[in-house]
Protein backbone atom coordinates (compact mmCIF):
# COMPACT_ATOMS: atom_id res chain seq x y z
CA MET A 1 -11.34 -13.35 -15.17
CA ALA A 2 -12.05 -15.97 -17.63
CA ASP A 3 -8.98 -17.78 -18.40
CA ASP A 4 -6.73 -21.01 -17.22
CA ARG A 5 -4.87 -18.74 -14.57
CA GLY A 6 -7.33 -19.54 -11.50
CA VAL A 7 -10.81 -17.87 -10.38
CA ALA A 8 -10.54 -14.29 -9.49
CA ASN A 9 -12.02 -13.30 -6.11
CA PRO A 10 -14.65 -11.15 -6.43
CA LEU A 11 -12.79 -9.00 -4.00
CA PHE A 12 -10.29 -8.10 -6.54
CA ILE A 13 -12.16 -7.29 -9.42
CA LYS A 14 -14.88 -4.54 -7.51
CA PRO A 15 -13.87 -0.97 -8.25
CA LEU A 16 -12.78 1.65 -5.33
CA VAL A 17 -16.38 3.08 -3.93
CA TYR A 18 -14.93 6.55 -4.18
CA GLN A 19 -13.67 7.78 -7.41
CA LEU A 20 -12.72 10.67 -9.24
CA PRO A 21 -12.85 11.54 -12.79
CA TYR A 22 -9.14 10.76 -14.55
CA SER A 23 -7.84 11.52 -17.76
CA GLY A 24 -3.73 11.79 -16.72
CA ALA A 25 -1.02 10.21 -18.60
CA VAL A 26 -0.24 6.46 -17.70
CA ARG A 27 3.14 4.88 -18.35
CA GLU A 28 3.08 1.26 -18.63
CA GLY A 29 5.75 -1.44 -18.38
CA ILE A 30 8.54 0.42 -16.95
CA ASP A 31 11.06 -2.39 -16.11
CA TYR A 32 12.76 -1.73 -13.09
CA ALA A 33 14.52 -5.06 -12.67
CA SER A 34 15.59 -8.30 -14.67
CA GLU A 35 12.68 -11.21 -15.69
CA ALA A 36 9.93 -9.15 -15.98
CA ARG A 37 9.71 -6.93 -12.91
CA ALA A 38 7.85 -3.84 -14.14
CA PHE A 39 5.63 -1.02 -13.12
CA ASP A 40 2.92 1.53 -14.58
CA ILE A 41 2.97 4.95 -13.20
CA TYR A 42 -0.25 7.34 -13.22
CA TYR A 43 0.70 10.84 -13.31
CA PRO A 44 -1.41 13.84 -11.94
CA GLN A 45 -3.54 15.70 -14.59
CA ASN A 46 -1.96 19.06 -15.78
CA SER A 47 1.33 18.13 -13.58
CA GLU A 48 3.93 20.72 -13.55
CA GLY A 49 7.57 19.80 -12.83
CA PRO A 50 8.49 16.91 -10.48
CA ALA A 51 5.53 14.95 -9.11
CA PRO A 52 5.31 13.53 -5.54
CA VAL A 53 4.60 9.66 -5.80
CA ALA A 54 2.90 6.95 -3.97
CA VAL A 55 3.93 3.03 -4.37
CA LEU A 56 0.96 0.71 -3.75
CA VAL A 57 3.65 -1.93 -1.96
CA THR A 58 2.47 -5.50 -2.23
CA GLY A 59 3.65 -8.50 0.33
CA TYR A 60 2.81 -11.52 -2.10
CA PRO A 61 4.40 -12.65 -4.63
CA ASP A 62 2.67 -12.48 -8.36
CA PRO A 63 3.42 -16.01 -9.60
CA ALA A 64 1.78 -17.41 -6.54
CA PHE A 65 -1.03 -14.42 -6.37
CA GLU A 66 -1.54 -15.39 -10.20
CA ALA A 67 -2.20 -18.94 -9.65
CA LEU A 68 -4.51 -18.38 -6.76
CA THR A 69 -6.62 -15.67 -8.05
CA GLY A 70 -6.41 -15.25 -12.07
CA MET A 71 -4.72 -12.26 -12.08
CA GLN A 72 -1.29 -10.23 -11.16
CA GLN A 73 -1.41 -7.50 -8.42
CA MET A 74 -1.01 -4.58 -11.20
CA GLU A 75 -4.55 -6.09 -12.45
CA VAL A 76 -6.54 -5.80 -9.13
CA GLN A 77 -9.17 -3.34 -9.70
CA GLY A 78 -9.06 -1.33 -6.51
CA ASN A 79 -5.09 -1.18 -6.94
CA LYS A 80 -5.81 0.68 -10.60
CA ASP A 81 -8.53 2.94 -9.04
CA TRP A 82 -6.45 3.97 -5.55
CA ALA A 83 -3.54 4.91 -8.39
CA LYS A 84 -6.31 6.95 -10.41
CA LEU A 85 -7.60 8.61 -7.21
CA LEU A 86 -4.04 9.52 -6.41
CA ALA A 87 -3.00 11.04 -9.45
CA ALA A 88 -6.39 13.00 -9.75
CA ASN A 89 -5.51 14.17 -5.78
CA GLY A 90 -2.14 15.63 -7.90
CA ILE A 91 -0.02 12.44 -6.50
CA ALA A 92 1.80 10.14 -8.91
CA ALA A 93 1.31 6.43 -8.14
CA VAL A 94 2.80 3.18 -9.39
CA ILE A 95 1.59 -0.18 -9.19
CA TYR A 96 4.15 -3.11 -9.85
CA ASN A 97 4.42 -6.61 -10.35
CA ASN A 98 7.12 -8.74 -8.50
CA ILE A 99 8.88 -11.98 -8.17
CA GLU A 100 10.34 -11.39 -4.31
CA PRO A 101 8.09 -8.85 -2.80
CA VAL A 102 10.83 -7.83 -0.01
CA ALA A 103 13.53 -7.23 -2.59
CA ASP A 104 11.57 -5.69 -5.49
CA ALA A 105 9.76 -3.64 -3.39
CA LEU A 106 13.06 -2.10 -2.87
CA ALA A 107 14.08 -2.05 -5.99
CA VAL A 108 10.96 -0.08 -7.52
CA ILE A 109 12.13 2.45 -4.86
CA ASP A 110 15.74 2.83 -5.72
CA TYR A 111 14.69 2.74 -9.39
CA LEU A 112 12.18 5.85 -8.93
CA LYS A 113 15.13 7.76 -7.24
CA THR A 114 17.43 7.02 -9.45
CA GLU A 115 15.60 7.60 -12.48
CA SER A 116 13.71 10.48 -11.00
CA LEU A 117 14.84 13.13 -13.39
CA ARG A 118 13.69 11.12 -16.41
CA LEU A 119 10.29 9.82 -15.05
CA GLN A 120 9.36 13.28 -13.90
CA ILE A 121 8.64 12.34 -10.12
CA ASP A 122 10.16 14.41 -7.01
CA PRO A 123 12.54 11.78 -4.93
CA ALA A 124 12.18 13.91 -2.12
CA ARG A 125 8.51 13.34 -1.74
CA ILE A 126 7.88 9.58 -2.08
CA ALA A 127 4.92 7.79 -0.24
CA LEU A 128 3.80 4.19 0.80
CA TRP A 129 0.23 3.38 0.64
CA SER A 130 -0.22 -0.64 1.34
CA CYS A 131 -3.43 -2.66 3.13
CA SER A 132 -4.03 -5.82 4.90
CA GLY A 133 -1.53 -8.71 4.07
CA ASN A 134 0.78 -6.50 2.14
CA VAL A 135 1.36 -4.36 5.28
CA PRO A 136 4.42 -6.08 6.87
CA ASN A 137 6.46 -5.57 3.63
CA ALA A 138 5.36 -1.96 3.65
CA ILE A 139 6.71 -1.74 7.35
CA ASN A 140 10.42 -3.43 5.81
CA VAL A 141 10.27 -0.77 3.06
CA LEU A 142 9.99 1.93 5.68
CA ASN A 143 12.95 1.05 7.54
CA GLU A 144 15.11 0.02 4.85
CA ALA A 145 14.53 2.87 2.31
CA ALA A 146 15.78 6.12 2.96
CA ALA A 147 14.12 9.28 3.30
CA LEU A 148 10.52 8.06 2.37
CA ARG A 149 7.96 10.97 3.46
CA CYS A 150 4.91 9.25 4.77
CA ALA A 151 2.76 6.30 4.45
CA VAL A 152 -0.73 4.96 4.43
CA LEU A 153 -1.48 1.45 5.87
CA LEU A 154 -5.15 0.19 5.69
CA TYR A 155 -6.75 -2.79 8.12
CA GLY A 156 -3.31 -4.45 7.67
CA PHE A 157 -1.26 -6.92 9.80
CA MET A 158 1.35 -5.09 11.76
CA LEU A 159 4.12 -6.50 14.11
CA ASP A 160 4.22 -8.76 16.48
CA ALA A 161 4.47 -7.65 20.21
CA PRO A 162 6.77 -9.41 22.62
CA GLY A 163 5.95 -12.80 22.93
CA SER A 164 3.44 -12.95 20.17
CA LYS A 165 3.37 -14.74 16.93
CA LEU A 166 0.22 -13.40 15.72
CA ILE A 167 1.71 -12.15 12.61
CA ALA A 168 4.05 -15.29 11.84
CA GLN A 169 1.26 -17.30 11.99
CA ALA A 170 -0.83 -15.36 9.67
CA SER A 171 1.91 -15.36 7.18
CA ALA A 172 2.22 -18.73 6.92
CA ASN A 173 -1.52 -19.29 6.99
CA LEU A 174 -2.14 -16.16 3.96
CA HIS A 175 1.38 -16.88 2.35
CA PHE A 176 2.24 -12.84 2.60
CA VAL A 177 5.75 -12.08 3.08
CA ASN A 178 6.61 -10.73 6.97
CA PRO A 179 10.76 -9.68 7.07
CA ASN A 180 9.70 -8.25 10.57
CA GLN A 181 11.15 -9.52 13.63
CA GLY A 182 8.55 -7.75 16.20
CA MET A 183 8.57 -4.61 17.69
CA GLN A 184 12.23 -4.06 17.33
CA ASP A 185 11.03 -3.44 13.61
CA PHE A 186 9.37 -0.17 14.48
CA PRO A 187 9.56 2.16 11.48
CA GLU A 188 10.94 5.29 13.36
CA ASN A 189 9.90 9.03 12.59
CA THR A 190 7.98 8.41 9.59
CA PRO A 191 4.58 9.86 9.43
CA ILE A 192 1.83 7.21 9.16
CA LEU A 193 -1.98 7.07 8.89
CA ILE A 194 -3.35 3.32 10.09
CA ILE A 195 -7.09 2.60 9.36
CA GLY A 196 -8.65 -0.20 11.31
CA ALA A 197 -11.78 -1.94 10.25
CA GLY A 198 -13.15 -2.85 13.42
CA LYS A 199 -15.26 -5.60 11.40
CA ASP A 200 -11.77 -7.58 10.27
CA GLU A 201 -12.33 -11.06 10.73
CA PHE A 202 -8.60 -12.05 10.42
CA PRO A 203 -7.41 -13.09 14.28
CA GLY A 204 -4.97 -10.92 15.58
CA LEU A 205 -4.59 -7.98 12.95
CA ASN A 206 -6.74 -5.55 14.89
CA GLU A 207 -4.69 -6.94 18.11
CA SER A 208 -1.42 -6.19 15.65
CA ILE A 209 -2.88 -2.32 14.94
CA ASP A 210 -3.31 -1.80 19.10
CA ALA A 211 0.09 -3.08 20.04
CA PHE A 212 1.71 -0.62 16.83
CA GLU A 213 -0.39 2.10 18.49
CA ALA A 214 0.80 1.40 22.25
CA GLU A 215 4.74 1.03 20.50
CA ALA A 216 4.21 4.52 18.71
CA ILE A 217 2.77 6.41 22.10
CA ALA A 218 5.88 5.09 23.88
CA ARG A 219 8.41 6.00 21.10
CA ASN A 220 6.64 9.31 20.14
CA SER A 221 6.49 8.36 17.32
CA PRO A 222 4.24 10.45 14.60
CA VAL A 223 1.51 7.35 14.12
CA SER A 224 -2.01 8.31 14.23
CA VAL A 225 -4.84 5.31 14.05
CA VAL A 226 -7.91 5.83 12.87
CA ARG A 227 -10.82 3.09 14.15
CA TYR A 228 -13.79 2.34 11.79
CA PRO A 229 -15.93 0.34 14.03
CA GLU A 230 -18.20 -0.73 11.05
CA GLY A 231 -15.56 -1.57 8.63
CA ALA A 232 -14.47 -4.62 7.08
CA ASN A 233 -11.39 -5.58 5.60
CA GLY A 234 -11.63 -4.43 1.90
CA PHE A 235 -14.21 -1.69 2.93
CA ASP A 236 -12.67 0.55 0.08
CA VAL A 237 -13.82 -1.78 -2.23
CA LEU A 238 -16.97 -3.89 -0.62
CA ASP A 239 -18.71 -0.94 1.19
CA ASP A 240 -20.09 2.46 -0.39
CA SER A 241 -21.17 4.00 2.51
CA GLN A 242 -20.49 7.61 3.60
CA ARG A 243 -18.35 6.83 6.35
CA SER A 244 -16.53 4.21 3.79
CA ILE A 245 -15.85 7.03 1.36
CA GLU A 246 -14.88 9.46 4.71
CA MET A 247 -12.03 6.96 5.55
CA ILE A 248 -10.78 6.91 1.72
CA LYS A 249 -10.96 10.45 1.80
CA LEU A 250 -8.72 10.99 4.69
CA CYS A 251 -6.28 8.85 3.22
CA VAL A 252 -5.88 10.93 0.04
CA GLY A 253 -6.14 14.24 2.07
CA PHE A 254 -3.15 12.74 4.30
CA LEU A 255 -1.06 11.99 1.65
CA ARG A 256 -1.65 15.16 0.27
CA LEU A 257 -0.66 16.91 3.28
CA ARG A 258 2.38 15.06 3.73
CA LEU A 259 3.65 15.48 0.18
CA ASN A 260 2.92 18.97 -0.08
CA VAL A 261 0.42 18.91 -2.80
CA TYR A 262 -2.02 22.17 -1.83
């Protein structure tokens, strides 16, 4: 992106390595709060009746993200491609901008529920998708927003285990929000699919997935962890191997199953 907003990281302009043809409707610039907060919603093709919806949760404030990368998170190619892929699979998808990541993510969910009839989405079938440093905010949404159906979390920082400050330190170093205190903020009873990338180089990230999985087992919570040993952080846009494509399809299949899309 060649303007004066910063230099775009190549990671944010790369397309998703697995895509399907998509020609559905996209409603852009729907204001969900004051101060120019808006979202785009990608609708399934040939949708009949209210559609299930996945919200792509972000954990970085857009003003800082734009200053650093030269784009807002709604402009990240991978985010737009994930939205199109989900819509091509029968799931409406929402990408949004924000100023306060924690409050604004919850505001998006609230808006979708209160305006569900006008937006033609099913408020009983709302899911989350999130990745990397965005995941702590998605975990907070799972705790704070009622009746979410499920979540897919890719190569993400999770929750600090007792005595650990790994996530808190990563949040400070990488500038993503971390509204959680630790395992006491474990999201109960929501089906979650986690994809761990074995070659992720962010310190503490995979350790946090291990600790989260152990906590889920101890609580008998419906959490599934799939490890991709050869995967790197951002494999869904960086690596077009068959295994990466299988991981993407696994995420889509999980959402379709949990959202009753047949």
